[in-house]
């Protein structure tokens, strides 16, 4: 599913013009993008939780040569599905 599919769903369910549906979807996505960029946690009941976590600095290895390579600390986006979403996925809908 891509963003256009989501817009089509909103048009069908809300019975609003496509332009308004596209604006609504884009607004929601931009709000989520801004919140995650600021390090906030997004919890959507019945769907899951998006969260930005910090990863520590580490040391990796080049598998070909075995040479140690430093890995810089960074922020990563994580998603944890809600119990309802996990059940829906496992049971097929």
Protein backbone atom coordinates (compact mmCIF):
# COMPACT_ATOMS: atom_id res chain seq x y z
CA UNK A 1 0.00 0.00 0.00
CA UNK A 2 1.30 3.44 -0.89
CA UNK A 3 0.21 6.93 0.12
CA UNK A 4 -2.12 7.23 -2.90
CA UNK A 5 -3.93 4.06 -1.76
CA UNK A 6 -4.44 5.60 1.68
CA UNK A 7 -5.82 8.76 0.07
CA UNK A 8 -8.21 6.64 -2.00
CA UNK A 9 -9.42 4.88 1.17
CA UNK A 10 -10.03 8.22 2.90
CA UNK A 11 -11.98 9.47 -0.15
CA UNK A 12 -14.15 6.34 -0.12
CA UNK A 13 -14.77 6.21 3.64
CA UNK A 14 -15.17 9.91 4.40
CA UNK A 15 -16.91 10.84 1.14
CA UNK A 16 -14.75 13.96 0.71
CA UNK A 17 -13.01 15.35 -2.39
CA UNK A 18 -9.68 13.78 -3.31
CA UNK A 19 -7.79 17.06 -2.80
CA UNK A 20 -9.03 17.38 0.78
CA UNK A 21 -8.25 13.72 1.50
CA UNK A 22 -4.72 14.14 0.12
CA UNK A 23 -4.21 17.23 2.29
CA UNK A 24 -5.48 15.37 5.37
CA UNK A 25 -3.20 12.37 4.79
CA UNK A 26 -0.19 14.59 4.09
CA UNK A 27 -0.92 16.62 7.25
CA UNK A 28 -1.01 13.49 9.40
CA UNK A 29 2.22 12.17 7.89
CA UNK A 30 3.95 15.53 8.34
CA UNK A 31 2.81 15.73 11.98
CA UNK A 32 4.24 12.26 12.60
CA UNK A 33 7.47 13.16 10.81
CA UNK A 34 7.86 16.31 12.92
CA UNK A 35 7.13 14.52 16.19
CA UNK A 36 9.59 11.72 15.47
CA UNK A 37 12.20 14.25 14.33
CA UNK A 38 11.86 15.95 17.71
CA UNK A 39 12.31 12.59 19.44
CA UNK A 40 8.68 12.28 20.57
CA UNK A 41 6.86 8.97 20.92
CA UNK A 42 3.75 8.34 18.80
CA UNK A 43 1.18 5.91 20.17
CA UNK A 44 -1.75 4.92 17.97
CA UNK A 45 -4.12 2.74 20.01
CA UNK A 46 -4.93 -0.50 18.25
CA UNK A 47 -2.04 0.00 15.81
CA UNK A 48 1.27 0.43 17.61
CA UNK A 49 3.98 2.72 18.90
CA UNK A 50 6.61 4.59 16.89
CA UNK A 51 9.60 5.68 18.94
CA UNK A 52 13.07 7.09 18.36
CA UNK A 53 15.74 5.28 20.36
CA UNK A 54 19.43 5.98 20.75
CA UNK A 55 21.94 3.34 19.77
CA UNK A 56 25.29 3.33 21.52
CA UNK A 57 28.63 3.56 19.83
CA UNK A 58 29.96 0.12 18.97
CA UNK A 59 32.53 -1.86 17.13
CA UNK A 60 31.69 -3.94 14.09
CA UNK A 61 33.79 -6.16 11.91
CA UNK A 62 34.28 -6.26 8.19
CA UNK A 63 33.20 -9.86 7.43
CA UNK A 64 35.60 -10.15 4.52
CA UNK A 65 38.79 -8.94 6.21
CA UNK A 66 37.95 -9.22 9.91
CA UNK A 67 39.12 -5.63 10.49
CA UNK A 68 37.33 -3.83 13.33
CA UNK A 69 35.25 -0.85 12.24
CA UNK A 70 33.93 1.80 14.65
CA UNK A 71 30.15 2.33 14.54
CA UNK A 72 29.03 5.83 15.50
CA UNK A 73 26.16 6.38 17.94
CA UNK A 74 22.90 7.19 16.20
CA UNK A 75 19.16 7.46 16.56
CA UNK A 76 16.95 4.73 15.09
CA UNK A 77 13.22 4.56 14.51
CA UNK A 78 11.46 1.59 16.11
CA UNK A 79 7.91 0.33 15.77
CA UNK A 80 6.14 -1.99 18.16
CA UNK A 81 2.80 -3.36 16.99
CA UNK A 82 -0.12 -3.37 19.42
CA UNK A 83 -1.57 -6.64 20.66
CA UNK A 84 -4.64 -6.11 18.45
CA UNK A 85 -2.44 -5.56 15.37
CA UNK A 86 -0.33 -8.65 16.13
CA UNK A 87 -3.49 -10.76 16.45
CA UNK A 88 -4.84 -9.37 13.18
CA UNK A 89 -1.60 -10.20 11.38
CA UNK A 90 -1.33 -13.70 12.83
CA UNK A 91 -4.99 -14.55 12.24
CA UNK A 92 -5.05 -13.03 8.76
CA UNK A 93 -7.37 -10.10 9.20
